Amino acid sequence: MYEYIKGNLIEKSPAEAVIDCNGVAYFINISLQTFSRIKEKGEVKLYIHLVVKEDSHTLFGFAQKSERNLFRLLISVSGVGANTARVILSGMSTDETANAIVTENVDALKSVKGIGAKTAQRIILDLKDKVVKDDSSSELFTDSHNTNKDEALSALIMLGFAKKAAEKALTKIIKNEGLSASVEDLVRFALKIL
């Protein structure tokens, strides 16, 4: 719903920031990573993720899109909520978290307060194919906002294929063909696999 909020930083602490945007102040939950990247005062821009629950609407803000992408992947794991994901991203940098997932380093994830062995293993199992490290050591999140993949997935579901099977096929195709494959190519290749 929200892409980012840009405005004047009114106050910040290691866990939250208040940004005044044209007379409306937003209370935003942040990680230590984001806290260390934003200035004390002045204009700031945070990429936003809105968590809607029955009794609350909570904003989470991130200084970089890559951190927000990893946050979204983490909360997609069963048993990992928004606050747990924020704790993970406060305890480890985005690169360290992605590296721990890719290298299946359970101990690194367990070092974060509140993360046990089962949760760490579940995170690795669910995300190791979604988080890919390239040679420049900047992370690439294959499932984050790839609109061609999303459109191809919708098309395959409308054609009657199961969502999980279609996602698996598309992930495999993107690994082989690259992120620049068109929607038509993705659907065509997927139809050959499915």
Foldseek 3Di string as FASTA:
>chain_A
DFFKAKAKWPADDQFWTWGQGPNDIDIETEANQQVVVDDGIDIAMWGWDWDDDPVDIHIYTHRDVLLVQVLVLQCVQPPQHNVNSSQQCNLDPSLQVLVCLQVVPQVNSCVGPPDDSVSSNSSSVSCNLQWDADPVSDIDGNPPPLVLLVVLLVVVVVVPDDSVLLNVQLSVVCVVPNSPDGNVRSNVSSVVVD
